[in-house]
Amino acid sequence: HAVTGACMAVRRDEFDALDGFDTGYLIGDFEDS
């Protein structure tokens, strides 16, 4: 379903196209999923 952000690998171009991690969460939790 999802994997952890403690260690994850992605392609740079795809990550940029998705605008990276969402910064709307408070402190932590759920950014990786």
PDB file of all heavy atoms in Angstrom:
ATOM      1  N   HIS A   1       0.837  -1.199   0.000  1.00  0.00           N
ATOM      2  CA  HIS A   1       0.000   0.000   0.000  1.00  0.00           C
ATOM      3  C   HIS A   1       0.871   1.247   0.000  1.00  0.00           C
ATOM      4  O   HIS A   1       0.605   2.222  -0.711  1.00  0.00           O
ATOM      5  CB  HIS A   1      -0.898   0.027   1.241  1.00  0.00           C
ATOM      6  CG  HIS A   1      -1.983  -0.990   1.218  1.00  0.00           C
ATOM      7  ND1 HIS A   1      -2.778  -1.252   2.319  1.00  0.00           N
ATOM      8  CD2 HIS A   1      -2.437  -1.821   0.237  1.00  0.00           C
ATOM      9  CE1 HIS A   1      -3.661  -2.190   2.015  1.00  0.00           C
ATOM     10  NE2 HIS A   1      -3.465  -2.548   0.762  1.00  0.00           N
ATOM     11  N   ALA A   2       1.909   1.230   0.844  1.00  0.00           N
ATOM     12  CA  ALA A   2       2.846   2.348   0.961  1.00  0.00           C
ATOM     13  C   ALA A   2       4.115   1.806   1.606  1.00  0.00           C
ATOM     14  O   ALA A   2       4.157   0.652   2.047  1.00  0.00           O
ATOM     15  CB  ALA A   2       2.249   3.480   1.791  1.00  0.00           C
ATOM     16  N   VAL A   3       5.146   2.645   1.653  1.00  0.00           N
ATOM     17  CA  VAL A   3       6.401   2.263   2.313  1.00  0.00           C
ATOM     18  C   VAL A   3       6.896   3.441   3.140  1.00  0.00           C
ATOM     19  O   VAL A   3       6.444   4.576   2.983  1.00  0.00           O
ATOM     20  CB  VAL A   3       7.477   1.824   1.298  1.00  0.00           C
ATOM     21  CG1 VAL A   3       7.077   0.520   0.616  1.00  0.00           C
ATOM     22  CG2 VAL A   3       7.744   2.909   0.258  1.00  0.00           C
ATOM     23  N   THR A   4       7.838   3.161   4.005  1.00  0.00           N
ATOM     24  CA  THR A   4       8.289   4.149   4.971  1.00  0.00           C
ATOM     25  C   THR A   4       9.270   5.162   4.388  1.00  0.00           C
ATOM     26  O   THR A   4      10.088   4.837   3.527  1.00  0.00           O
ATOM     27  CB  THR A   4       8.951   3.453   6.175  1.00  0.00           C
ATOM     28  OG1 THR A   4       9.372   4.446   7.128  1.00  0.00           O
ATOM     29  CG2 THR A   4      10.180   2.667   5.747  1.00  0.00           C
ATOM     30  N   GLY A   5       9.189   6.382   4.924  1.00  0.00           N
ATOM     31  CA  GLY A   5      10.142   7.417   4.550  1.00  0.00           C
ATOM     32  C   GLY A   5      11.436   7.343   5.327  1.00  0.00           C
ATOM     33  O   GLY A   5      12.354   8.133   5.075  1.00  0.00           O
ATOM     34  N   ALA A   6      11.563   6.388   6.260  1.00  0.00           N
ATOM     35  CA  ALA A   6      12.821   6.234   6.987  1.00  0.00           C
ATOM     36  C   ALA A   6      13.947   5.843   6.044  1.00  0.00           C
ATOM     37  O   ALA A   6      15.109   6.170   6.289  1.00  0.00           O
ATOM     38  CB  ALA A   6      12.666   5.194   8.092  1.00  0.00           C
ATOM     39  N   CYS A   7      13.605   5.144   4.971  1.00  0.00           N
ATOM     40  CA  CYS A   7      14.546   4.866   3.894  1.00  0.00           C
ATOM     41  C   CYS A   7      13.738   4.520   2.653  1.00  0.00           C
ATOM     42  O   CYS A   7      13.069   3.484   2.623  1.00  0.00           O
ATOM     43  CB  CYS A   7      15.500   3.726   4.256  1.00  0.00           C
ATOM     44  SG  CYS A   7      16.710   3.386   2.949  1.00  0.00           S
ATOM     45  N   MET A   8      13.783   5.374   1.652  1.00  0.00           N
ATOM     46  CA  MET A   8      13.081   5.109   0.400  1.00  0.00           C
ATOM     47  C   MET A   8      13.860   5.720  -0.760  1.00  0.00           C
ATOM     48  O   MET A   8      14.505   6.755  -0.620  1.00  0.00           O
ATOM     49  CB  MET A   8      11.654   5.647   0.427  1.00  0.00           C
ATOM     50  CG  MET A   8      11.532   7.132   0.659  1.00  0.00           C
ATOM     51  SD  MET A   8       9.889   7.822   0.230  1.00  0.00           S
ATOM     52  CE  MET A   8       8.767   6.787   1.146  1.00  0.00           C
ATOM     53  N   ALA A   9      13.813   5.046  -1.893  1.00  0.00           N
ATOM     54  CA  ALA A   9      14.498   5.504  -3.100  1.00  0.00           C
ATOM     55  C   ALA A   9      13.474   5.850  -4.170  1.00  0.00           C
ATOM     56  O   ALA A   9      12.481   5.136  -4.344  1.00  0.00           O
ATOM     57  CB  ALA A   9      15.451   4.420  -3.614  1.00  0.00           C
ATOM     58  N   VAL A  10      13.742   6.941  -4.898  1.00  0.00           N
ATOM     59  CA  VAL A  10      12.855   7.399  -5.972  1.00  0.00           C
ATOM     60  C   VAL A  10      13.710   7.922  -7.123  1.00  0.00           C
ATOM     61  O   VAL A  10      14.900   8.191  -6.960  1.00  0.00           O
ATOM     62  CB  VAL A  10      11.914   8.532  -5.492  1.00  0.00           C
ATOM     63  CG1 VAL A  10      11.034   8.068  -4.340  1.00  0.00           C
ATOM     64  CG2 VAL A  10      12.717   9.770  -5.089  1.00  0.00           C
ATOM     65  N   ARG A  11      13.081   8.073  -8.286  1.00  0.00           N
ATOM     66  CA  ARG A  11      13.735   8.743  -9.415  1.00  0.00           C
ATOM     67  C   ARG A  11      13.552  10.243  -9.247  1.00  0.00           C
ATOM     68  O   ARG A  11      12.463  10.719  -8.952  1.00  0.00           O
ATOM     69  CB  ARG A  11      13.124   8.272 -10.735  1.00  0.00           C
ATOM     70  CG  ARG A  11      13.236   6.775 -10.968  1.00  0.00           C
ATOM     71  CD  ARG A  11      12.563   6.365 -12.273  1.00  0.00           C
ATOM     72  NE  ARG A  11      12.487   4.899 -12.369  1.00  0.00           N
ATOM     73  CZ  ARG A  11      11.482   4.166 -11.907  1.00  0.00           C
ATOM     74  NH1 ARG A  11      10.452   4.776 -11.326  1.00  0.00           N
ATOM     75  NH2 ARG A  11      11.496   2.858 -12.024  1.00  0.00           N
ATOM     76  N   ARG A  12      14.613  10.976  -9.510  1.00  0.00           N
ATOM     77  CA  ARG A  12      14.588  12.428  -9.288  1.00  0.00           C
ATOM     78  C   ARG A  12      13.514  13.107 -10.144  1.00  0.00           C
ATOM     79  O   ARG A  12      12.749  13.949  -9.652  1.00  0.00           O
ATOM     80  CB  ARG A  12      15.958  13.008  -9.599  1.00  0.00           C
ATOM     81  CG  ARG A  12      16.033  14.533  -9.653  1.00  0.00           C
ATOM     82  CD  ARG A  12      15.754  15.136  -8.292  1.00  0.00           C
ATOM     83  NE  ARG A  12      15.819  16.578  -8.319  1.00  0.00           N
ATOM     84  CZ  ARG A  12      16.928  17.281  -8.093  1.00  0.00           C
ATOM     85  NH1 ARG A  12      18.063  16.659  -7.855  1.00  0.00           N
ATOM     86  NH2 ARG A  12      16.909  18.585  -8.102  1.00  0.00           N
ATOM     87  N   ASP A  13      13.419  12.779 -11.413  1.00  0.00           N
ATOM     88  CA  ASP A  13      12.485  13.484 -12.288  1.00  0.00           C
ATOM     89  C   ASP A  13      11.035  13.247 -11.873  1.00  0.00           C
ATOM     90  O   ASP A  13      10.215  14.174 -11.912  1.00  0.00           O
ATOM     91  CB  ASP A  13      12.718  13.093 -13.752  1.00  0.00           C
ATOM     92  CG  ASP A  13      12.584  11.598 -14.011  1.00  0.00           C
ATOM     93  OD1 ASP A  13      12.563  10.812 -13.038  1.00  0.00           O
ATOM     94  OD2 ASP A  13      12.508  11.198 -15.194  1.00  0.00           O
ATOM     95  N   GLU A  14      10.699  12.038 -11.457  1.00  0.00           N
ATOM     96  CA  GLU A  14       9.333  11.748 -11.023  1.00  0.00           C
ATOM     97  C   GLU A  14       9.008  12.447  -9.708  1.00  0.00           C
ATOM     98  O   GLU A  14       7.893  12.960  -9.518  1.00  0.00           O
ATOM     99  CB  GLU A  14       9.122  10.244 -10.894  1.00  0.00           C
ATOM    100  CG  GLU A  14       9.195   9.508 -12.230  1.00  0.00           C
ATOM    101  CD  GLU A  14       9.251   8.003 -12.082  1.00  0.00           C
ATOM    102  OE1 GLU A  14       9.397   7.507 -10.942  1.00  0.00           O
ATOM    103  OE2 GLU A  14       9.140   7.320 -13.120  1.00  0.00           O
ATOM    104  N   PHE A  15       9.963  12.468  -8.810  1.00  0.00           N
ATOM    105  CA  PHE A  15       9.770  13.143  -7.524  1.00  0.00           C
ATOM    106  C   PHE A  15       9.505  14.628  -7.749  1.00  0.00           C
ATOM    107  O   PHE A  15       8.597  15.214  -7.143  1.00  0.00           O
ATOM    108  CB  PHE A  15      11.005  12.937  -6.644  1.00  0.00           C
ATOM    109  CG  PHE A  15      10.932  13.578  -5.290  1.00  0.00           C
ATOM    110  CD1 PHE A  15      10.250  12.965  -4.254  1.00  0.00           C
ATOM    111  CD2 PHE A  15      11.558  14.795  -5.049  1.00  0.00           C
ATOM    112  CE1 PHE A  15      10.184  13.560  -2.992  1.00  0.00           C
ATOM    113  CE2 PHE A  15      11.503  15.389  -3.800  1.00  0.00           C
ATOM    114  CZ  PHE A  15      10.809  14.770  -2.769  1.00  0.00           C
ATOM    115  N   ASP A  16      10.285  15.245  -8.631  1.00  0.00           N
ATOM    116  CA  ASP A  16      10.084  16.665  -8.928  1.00  0.00           C
ATOM    117  C   ASP A  16       8.728  16.904  -9.571  1.00  0.00           C
ATOM    118  O   ASP A  16       8.043  17.894  -9.268  1.00  0.00           O
ATOM    119  CB  ASP A  16      11.195  17.174  -9.846  1.00  0.00           C
ATOM    120  CG  ASP A  16      12.541  17.269  -9.137  1.00  0.00           C
ATOM    121  OD1 ASP A  16      12.551  17.230  -7.889  1.00  0.00           O
ATOM    122  OD2 ASP A  16      13.569  17.387  -9.830  1.00  0.00           O
ATOM    123  N   ALA A  17       8.318  16.012 -10.474  1.00  0.00           N
ATOM    124  CA  ALA A  17       7.033  16.175 -11.161  1.00  0.00           C
ATOM    125  C   ALA A  17       5.862  16.100 -10.193  1.00  0.00           C
ATOM    126  O   ALA A  17       4.804  16.694 -10.435  1.00  0.00           O
ATOM    127  CB  ALA A  17       6.889  15.115 -12.250  1.00  0.00           C
ATOM    128  N   LEU A  18       6.036  15.387  -9.087  1.00  0.00           N
ATOM    129  CA  LEU A  18       4.989  15.257  -8.073  1.00  0.00           C
ATOM    130  C   LEU A  18       5.082  16.333  -6.994  1.00  0.00           C
ATOM    131  O   LEU A  18       4.332  16.305  -6.011  1.00  0.00           O
ATOM    132  CB  LEU A  18       5.068  13.868  -7.421  1.00  0.00           C
ATOM    133  CG  LEU A  18       4.693  12.689  -8.324  1.00  0.00           C
ATOM    134  CD1 LEU A  18       5.041  11.373  -7.646  1.00  0.00           C
ATOM    135  CD2 LEU A  18       3.215  12.727  -8.681  1.00  0.00           C
ATOM    136  N   ASP A  19       6.022  17.285  -7.168  1.00  0.00           N
ATOM    137  CA  ASP A  19       6.231  18.373  -6.198  1.00  0.00           C
ATOM    138  C   ASP A  19       6.694  17.874  -4.836  1.00  0.00           C
ATOM    139  O   ASP A  19       6.473  18.533  -3.809  1.00  0.00           O
ATOM    140  CB  ASP A  19       4.955  19.213  -6.035  1.00  0.00           C
ATOM    141  CG  ASP A  19       4.591  19.965  -7.303  1.00  0.00           C
ATOM    142  OD1 ASP A  19       5.523  20.383  -8.027  1.00  0.00           O
ATOM    143  OD2 ASP A  19       3.390  20.104  -7.592  1.00  0.00           O
ATOM    144  N   GLY A  20       7.334  16.701  -4.828  1.00  0.00           N
ATOM    145  CA  GLY A  20       7.960  16.223  -3.606  1.00  0.00           C
ATOM    146  C   GLY A  20       6.992  15.864  -2.497  1.00  0.00           C
ATOM    147  O   GLY A  20       5.813  15.583  -2.716  1.00  0.00           O
ATOM    148  N   PHE A  21       7.520  15.871  -1.273  1.00  0.00           N
ATOM    149  CA  PHE A  21       6.700  15.577  -0.094  1.00  0.00           C
ATOM    150  C   PHE A  21       5.725  16.724   0.164  1.00  0.00           C
ATOM    151  O   PHE A  21       6.065  17.895  -0.010  1.00  0.00           O
ATOM    152  CB  PHE A  21       7.581  15.390   1.142  1.00  0.00           C
ATOM    153  CG  PHE A  21       8.354  14.102   1.189  1.00  0.00           C
ATOM    154  CD1 PHE A  21       9.680  14.061   0.774  1.00  0.00           C
ATOM    155  CD2 PHE A  21       7.775  12.932   1.652  1.00  0.00           C
ATOM    156  CE1 PHE A  21      10.410  12.879   0.826  1.00  0.00           C
ATOM    157  CE2 PHE A  21       8.489  11.745   1.715  1.00  0.00           C
ATOM    158  CZ  PHE A  21       9.807  11.718   1.293  1.00  0.00           C
ATOM    159  N   ASP A  22       4.533  16.381   0.609  1.00  0.00           N
ATOM    160  CA  ASP A  22       3.554  17.393   0.981  1.00  0.00           C
ATOM    161  C   ASP A  22       3.955  18.012   2.318  1.00  0.00           C
ATOM    162  O   ASP A  22       4.278  17.300   3.273  1.00  0.00           O
ATOM    163  CB  ASP A  22       2.166  16.765   1.092  1.00  0.00           C
ATOM    164  CG  ASP A  22       1.104  17.800   1.391  1.00  0.00           C
ATOM    165  OD1 ASP A  22       0.576  18.380   0.442  1.00  0.00           O
ATOM    166  OD2 ASP A  22       0.830  18.030   2.589  1.00  0.00           O
ATOM    167  N   THR A  23       3.925  19.334   2.393  1.00  0.00           N
ATOM    168  CA  THR A  23       4.373  20.037   3.595  1.00  0.00           C
ATOM    169  C   THR A  23       3.212  20.528   4.453  1.00  0.00           C
ATOM    170  O   THR A  23       3.385  21.413   5.285  1.00  0.00           O
ATOM    171  CB  THR A  23       5.263  21.236   3.213  1.00  0.00           C
ATOM    172  OG1 THR A  23       4.543  22.097   2.312  1.00  0.00           O
ATOM    173  CG2 THR A  23       6.541  20.761   2.522  1.00  0.00           C
ATOM    174  N   GLY A  24       2.031  19.952   4.280  1.00  0.00           N
ATOM    175  CA  GLY A  24       0.870  20.398   5.026  1.00  0.00           C
ATOM    176  C   GLY A  24       0.576  19.643   6.298  1.00  0.00           C
ATOM    177  O   GLY A  24      -0.400  19.947   6.987  1.00  0.00           O
ATOM    178  N   TYR A  25       1.417  18.646   6.629  1.00  0.00           N
ATOM    179  CA  TYR A  25       1.201  17.873   7.856  1.00  0.00           C
ATOM    180  C   TYR A  25       1.905  18.540   9.033  1.00  0.00           C
ATOM    181  O   TYR A  25       2.884  19.265   8.866  1.00  0.00           O
ATOM    182  CB  TYR A  25       1.701  16.442   7.678  1.00  0.00           C
ATOM    183  CG  TYR A  25       0.862  15.632   6.716  1.00  0.00           C
ATOM    184  CD1 TYR A  25       1.171  15.596   5.353  1.00  0.00           C
ATOM    185  CD2 TYR A  25      -0.258  14.934   7.151  1.00  0.00           C
ATOM    186  CE1 TYR A  25       0.397  14.873   4.460  1.00  0.00           C
ATOM    187  CE2 TYR A  25      -1.043  14.208   6.263  1.00  0.00           C
ATOM    188  CZ  TYR A  25      -0.704  14.183   4.918  1.00  0.00           C
ATOM    189  OH  TYR A  25      -1.491  13.468   4.034  1.00  0.00           O
ATOM    190  N   LEU A  26       1.417  18.268  10.224  1.00  0.00           N
ATOM    191  CA  LEU A  26       1.969  18.863  11.438  1.00  0.00           C
ATOM    192  C   LEU A  26       3.042  17.960  12.026  1.00  0.00           C
ATOM    193  O   LEU A  26       2.749  16.820  12.418  1.00  0.00           O
ATOM    194  CB  LEU A  26       0.860  19.102  12.465  1.00  0.00           C
ATOM    195  CG  LEU A  26       1.284  19.747  13.793  1.00  0.00           C
ATOM    196  CD1 LEU A  26       1.779  21.172  13.557  1.00  0.00           C
ATOM    197  CD2 LEU A  26       0.127  19.749  14.789  1.00  0.00           C
ATOM    198  N   ILE A  27       4.268  18.431  12.071  1.00  0.00           N
ATOM    199  CA  ILE A  27       5.430  17.775  12.684  1.00  0.00           C
ATOM    200  C   ILE A  27       5.847  16.506  11.939  1.00  0.00           C
ATOM    201  O   ILE A  27       6.926  16.440  11.369  1.00  0.00           O
ATOM    202  CB  ILE A  27       5.196  17.442  14.176  1.00  0.00           C
ATOM    203  CG1 ILE A  27       4.923  18.722  14.966  1.00  0.00           C
ATOM    204  CG2 ILE A  27       6.416  16.742  14.751  1.00  0.00           C
ATOM    205  CD1 ILE A  27       4.662  18.491  16.446  1.00  0.00           C
ATOM    206  N   GLY A  28       5.051  15.468  11.962  1.00  0.00           N
ATOM    207  CA  GLY A  28       5.439  14.200  11.354  1.00  0.00           C
ATOM    208  C   GLY A  28       4.259  13.261  11.241  1.00  0.00           C
ATOM    209  O   GLY A  28       3.156  13.595  11.671  1.00  0.00           O
ATOM    210  N   ASP A  29       4.476  12.104  10.659  1.00  0.00           N
ATOM    211  CA  ASP A  29       3.446  11.086  10.424  1.00  0.00           C
ATOM    212  C   ASP A  29       2.740  11.334   9.087  1.00  0.00           C
ATOM    213  O   ASP A  29       2.288  12.449   8.824  1.00  0.00           O
ATOM    214  CB  ASP A  29       2.383  11.047  11.528  1.00  0.00           C
ATOM    215  CG  ASP A  29       2.929  10.694  12.897  1.00  0.00           C
ATOM    216  OD1 ASP A  29       3.809   9.829  12.960  1.00  0.00           O
ATOM    217  OD2 ASP A  29       2.475  11.285  13.881  1.00  0.00           O
ATOM    218  N   PHE A  30       2.647  10.284   8.300  1.00  0.00           N
ATOM    219  CA  PHE A  30       1.827  10.217   7.090  1.00  0.00           C
ATOM    220  C   PHE A  30       2.431  10.907   5.865  1.00  0.00           C
ATOM    221  O   PHE A  30       1.890  10.789   4.781  1.00  0.00           O
ATOM    222  CB  PHE A  30       0.406  10.751   7.341  1.00  0.00           C
ATOM    223  CG  PHE A  30      -0.373   9.917   8.323  1.00  0.00           C
ATOM    224  CD1 PHE A  30      -0.398  10.257   9.662  1.00  0.00           C
ATOM    225  CD2 PHE A  30      -1.050   8.788   7.902  1.00  0.00           C
ATOM    226  CE1 PHE A  30      -1.104   9.490  10.581  1.00  0.00           C
ATOM    227  CE2 PHE A  30      -1.750   8.010   8.809  1.00  0.00           C
ATOM    228  CZ  PHE A  30      -1.781   8.352  10.145  1.00  0.00           C
ATOM    229  N   GLU A  31       3.550  11.632   5.999  1.00  0.00           N
ATOM    230  CA  GLU A  31       4.137  12.238   4.807  1.00  0.00           C
ATOM    231  C   GLU A  31       4.630  11.183   3.827  1.00  0.00           C
ATOM    232  O   GLU A  31       4.559  11.375   2.611  1.00  0.00           O
ATOM    233  CB  GLU A  31       5.307  13.165   5.167  1.00  0.00           C
ATOM    234  CG  GLU A  31       4.927  14.393   5.947  1.00  0.00           C
ATOM    235  CD  GLU A  31       5.299  14.272   7.403  1.00  0.00           C
ATOM    236  OE1 GLU A  31       5.269  13.144   7.934  1.00  0.00           O
ATOM    237  OE2 GLU A  31       5.621  15.305   8.006  1.00  0.00           O
ATOM    238  N   ASP A  32       5.147  10.060   4.354  1.00  0.00           N
ATOM    239  CA  ASP A  32       5.662   9.026   3.468  1.00  0.00           C
ATOM    240  C   ASP A  32       4.537   8.308   2.724  1.00  0.00           C
ATOM    241  O   ASP A  32       4.606   8.116   1.503  1.00  0.00           O
ATOM    242  CB  ASP A  32       6.539   8.020   4.227  1.00  0.00           C
ATOM    243  CG  ASP A  32       5.946   7.562   5.551  1.00  0.00           C
ATOM    244  OD1 ASP A  32       4.745   7.812   5.803  1.00  0.00           O
ATOM    245  OD2 ASP A  32       6.690   6.935   6.336  1.00  0.00           O
ATOM    246  N   SER A  33       3.462   7.945   3.437  1.00  0.00           N
ATOM    247  CA  SER A  33       2.352   7.291   2.751  1.00  0.00           C
ATOM    248  C   SER A  33       1.639   8.267   1.817  1.00  0.00           C
ATOM    249  O   SER A  33       1.138   7.871   0.756  1.00  0.00           O
ATOM    250  CB  SER A  33       1.362   6.694   3.761  1.00  0.00           C
ATOM    251  OG  SER A  33       0.909   7.664   4.680  1.00  0.00           O
TER     252      SER A  33
END
